[in-house]
Amino acid sequence: MKKTYTILLMALVMLASSCYTSRTAGRSGKVPPGQAKKATGSKSAKHFAPGPQKKKH
């Protein structure tokens, strides 16, 4: 009986700890502009590049 509780507890801990996901696409600075462009499906990587953005009139 004690062994069953131990296995059940271990399975619960494993399930609870596997729910964490991280998302790094976009303007986070951790992904190169070309990779962020691919992830979002944009046609241009300008919006993901660092530095000053050109103003649109």
N, C-alpha and C. Protein backbone atom coordinates (compact mmCIF):
# COMPACT_ATOMS: atom_id res chain seq x y z
N MET A 1 0.83 -1.19 0.00
CA MET A 1 0.00 0.00 0.00
C MET A 1 0.88 1.26 0.00
N LYS A 2 1.93 1.24 0.80
CA LYS A 2 2.83 2.38 0.89
C LYS A 2 3.56 2.59 -0.44
N LYS A 3 3.88 1.50 -1.11
CA LYS A 3 4.56 1.58 -2.40
C LYS A 3 3.65 2.23 -3.46
N THR A 4 2.37 1.93 -3.39
CA THR A 4 1.40 2.51 -4.33
C THR A 4 1.31 4.02 -4.15
N TYR A 5 1.28 4.48 -2.92
CA TYR A 5 1.24 5.91 -2.66
C TYR A 5 2.51 6.61 -3.13
N THR A 6 3.64 5.94 -2.96
CA THR A 6 4.91 6.52 -3.39
C THR A 6 4.94 6.66 -4.91
N ILE A 7 4.51 5.65 -5.62
CA ILE A 7 4.49 5.70 -7.09
C ILE A 7 3.50 6.76 -7.56
N LEU A 8 2.35 6.83 -6.93
CA LEU A 8 1.35 7.83 -7.29
C LEU A 8 1.87 9.25 -7.04
N LEU A 9 2.55 9.46 -5.94
CA LEU A 9 3.11 10.76 -5.62
C LEU A 9 4.19 11.15 -6.62
N MET A 10 5.04 10.20 -6.98
CA MET A 10 6.09 10.49 -7.97
C MET A 10 5.50 10.84 -9.33
N ALA A 11 4.46 10.12 -9.73
CA ALA A 11 3.81 10.40 -11.01
C ALA A 11 3.16 11.79 -10.99
N LEU A 12 2.57 12.16 -9.88
CA LEU A 12 1.94 13.47 -9.76
C LEU A 12 2.97 14.59 -9.84
N VAL A 13 4.10 14.41 -9.18
CA VAL A 13 5.18 15.41 -9.22
C VAL A 13 5.73 15.54 -10.63
N MET A 14 5.89 14.43 -11.33
CA MET A 14 6.41 14.48 -12.70
C MET A 14 5.44 15.19 -13.63
N LEU A 15 4.17 14.94 -13.47
CA LEU A 15 3.16 15.60 -14.32
C LEU A 15 3.10 17.10 -14.04
N ALA A 16 3.18 17.47 -12.79
CA ALA A 16 3.09 18.88 -12.41
C ALA A 16 4.32 19.66 -12.87
N SER A 17 5.47 19.02 -12.86
CA SER A 17 6.69 19.73 -13.23
C SER A 17 6.88 19.83 -14.73
N SER A 18 6.15 19.07 -15.52
CA SER A 18 6.33 19.10 -16.97
C SER A 18 5.41 20.10 -17.65
N CYS A 19 4.65 20.87 -16.93
CA CYS A 19 3.69 21.80 -17.51
C CYS A 19 4.30 23.15 -17.86
N TYR A 20 5.55 23.39 -17.52
CA TYR A 20 6.17 24.69 -17.76
C TYR A 20 6.64 24.80 -19.21
N THR A 21 6.26 25.88 -19.89
CA THR A 21 6.74 26.15 -21.25
C THR A 21 7.23 27.57 -21.30
N SER A 22 8.19 27.82 -22.16
CA SER A 22 8.68 29.18 -22.32
C SER A 22 8.57 29.57 -23.78
N ARG A 23 8.23 30.81 -24.01
CA ARG A 23 8.05 31.30 -25.36
C ARG A 23 9.08 32.40 -25.59
N THR A 24 9.92 32.25 -26.61
CA THR A 24 10.99 33.21 -26.82
C THR A 24 10.90 33.92 -28.16
N ALA A 25 9.91 33.62 -28.96
CA ALA A 25 9.80 34.30 -30.25
C ALA A 25 9.27 35.72 -30.06
N GLY A 26 9.63 36.60 -30.95
CA GLY A 26 9.17 37.98 -30.88
C GLY A 26 10.28 38.93 -30.55
N ARG A 27 9.98 39.98 -29.83
CA ARG A 27 10.95 41.03 -29.52
C ARG A 27 11.68 40.81 -28.21
N SER A 28 11.82 39.59 -27.79
CA SER A 28 12.44 39.32 -26.49
C SER A 28 13.94 39.53 -26.49
N GLY A 29 14.58 39.54 -27.66
CA GLY A 29 16.02 39.74 -27.74
C GLY A 29 16.81 38.45 -27.63
N LYS A 30 16.15 37.33 -27.46
CA LYS A 30 16.84 36.06 -27.33
C LYS A 30 16.86 35.29 -28.64
N VAL A 31 16.09 35.72 -29.62
CA VAL A 31 15.97 35.04 -30.89
C VAL A 31 16.44 36.00 -31.99
N PRO A 32 17.24 35.53 -32.95
CA PRO A 32 17.63 36.40 -34.05
C PRO A 32 16.41 36.88 -34.84
N PRO A 33 16.49 38.06 -35.45
CA PRO A 33 15.34 38.61 -36.16
C PRO A 33 14.76 37.68 -37.23
N GLY A 34 15.62 36.97 -37.95
CA GLY A 34 15.13 36.06 -38.99
C GLY A 34 14.34 34.90 -38.42
N GLN A 35 14.77 34.40 -37.28
CA GLN A 35 14.04 33.29 -36.65
C GLN A 35 12.70 33.76 -36.09
N ALA A 36 12.66 34.97 -35.55
CA ALA A 36 11.39 35.52 -35.04
C ALA A 36 10.43 35.74 -36.20
N LYS A 37 10.96 36.16 -37.34
CA LYS A 37 10.14 36.37 -38.54
C LYS A 37 9.51 35.05 -38.97
N LYS A 38 10.31 33.99 -38.98
CA LYS A 38 9.79 32.67 -39.36
C LYS A 38 8.72 32.19 -38.39
N ALA A 39 8.93 32.43 -37.10
CA ALA A 39 7.99 31.94 -36.09
C ALA A 39 6.64 32.64 -36.18
N THR A 40 6.65 33.93 -36.55
CA THR A 40 5.40 34.68 -36.61
C THR A 40 4.76 34.66 -38.00
N GLY A 41 5.55 34.30 -39.03
CA GLY A 41 5.02 34.25 -40.38
C GLY A 41 5.05 35.59 -41.07
N SER A 42 5.82 36.54 -40.57
CA SER A 42 5.92 37.86 -41.20
C SER A 42 6.73 37.76 -42.49
N LYS A 43 6.55 38.77 -43.36
CA LYS A 43 7.31 38.81 -44.60
C LYS A 43 8.64 39.52 -44.42
N SER A 44 8.77 40.35 -43.40
CA SER A 44 9.98 41.13 -43.18
C SER A 44 10.47 40.94 -41.75
N ALA A 45 11.80 40.96 -41.60
CA ALA A 45 12.40 40.83 -40.26
C ALA A 45 12.73 42.19 -39.66
N LYS A 46 12.39 43.29 -40.35
CA LYS A 46 12.72 44.63 -39.85
C LYS A 46 12.09 44.91 -38.49
N HIS A 47 10.89 44.43 -38.29
CA HIS A 47 10.18 44.73 -37.04
C HIS A 47 10.80 44.03 -35.84
N PHE A 48 11.61 43.00 -36.08
CA PHE A 48 12.21 42.24 -34.99
C PHE A 48 13.67 42.63 -34.75
N ALA A 49 14.21 43.48 -35.63
CA ALA A 49 15.61 43.86 -35.51
C ALA A 49 15.78 44.94 -34.44
N PRO A 50 16.93 44.92 -33.73
CA PRO A 50 17.16 45.94 -32.72
C PRO A 50 17.52 47.28 -33.38
N GLY A 51 17.44 48.31 -32.61
CA GLY A 51 17.81 49.63 -33.11
C GLY A 51 16.60 50.50 -33.40
N PRO A 52 16.86 51.71 -33.91
CA PRO A 52 15.76 52.63 -34.19
C PRO A 52 14.87 52.12 -35.31
N GLN A 53 13.58 52.35 -35.14
CA GLN A 53 12.61 51.95 -36.16
C GLN A 53 12.29 53.14 -37.07
N LYS A 54 12.17 52.88 -38.35
CA LYS A 54 11.85 53.93 -39.30
C LYS A 54 10.38 54.33 -39.13
N LYS A 55 10.13 55.63 -39.11
CA LYS A 55 8.76 56.11 -38.95
C LYS A 55 7.98 55.92 -40.24
N LYS A 56 6.72 55.50 -40.11
CA LYS A 56 5.84 55.37 -41.26
C LYS A 56 4.95 56.60 -41.33
N HIS A 57 4.93 57.25 -42.48
CA HIS A 57 4.11 58.46 -42.64
C HIS A 57 2.77 58.13 -43.20
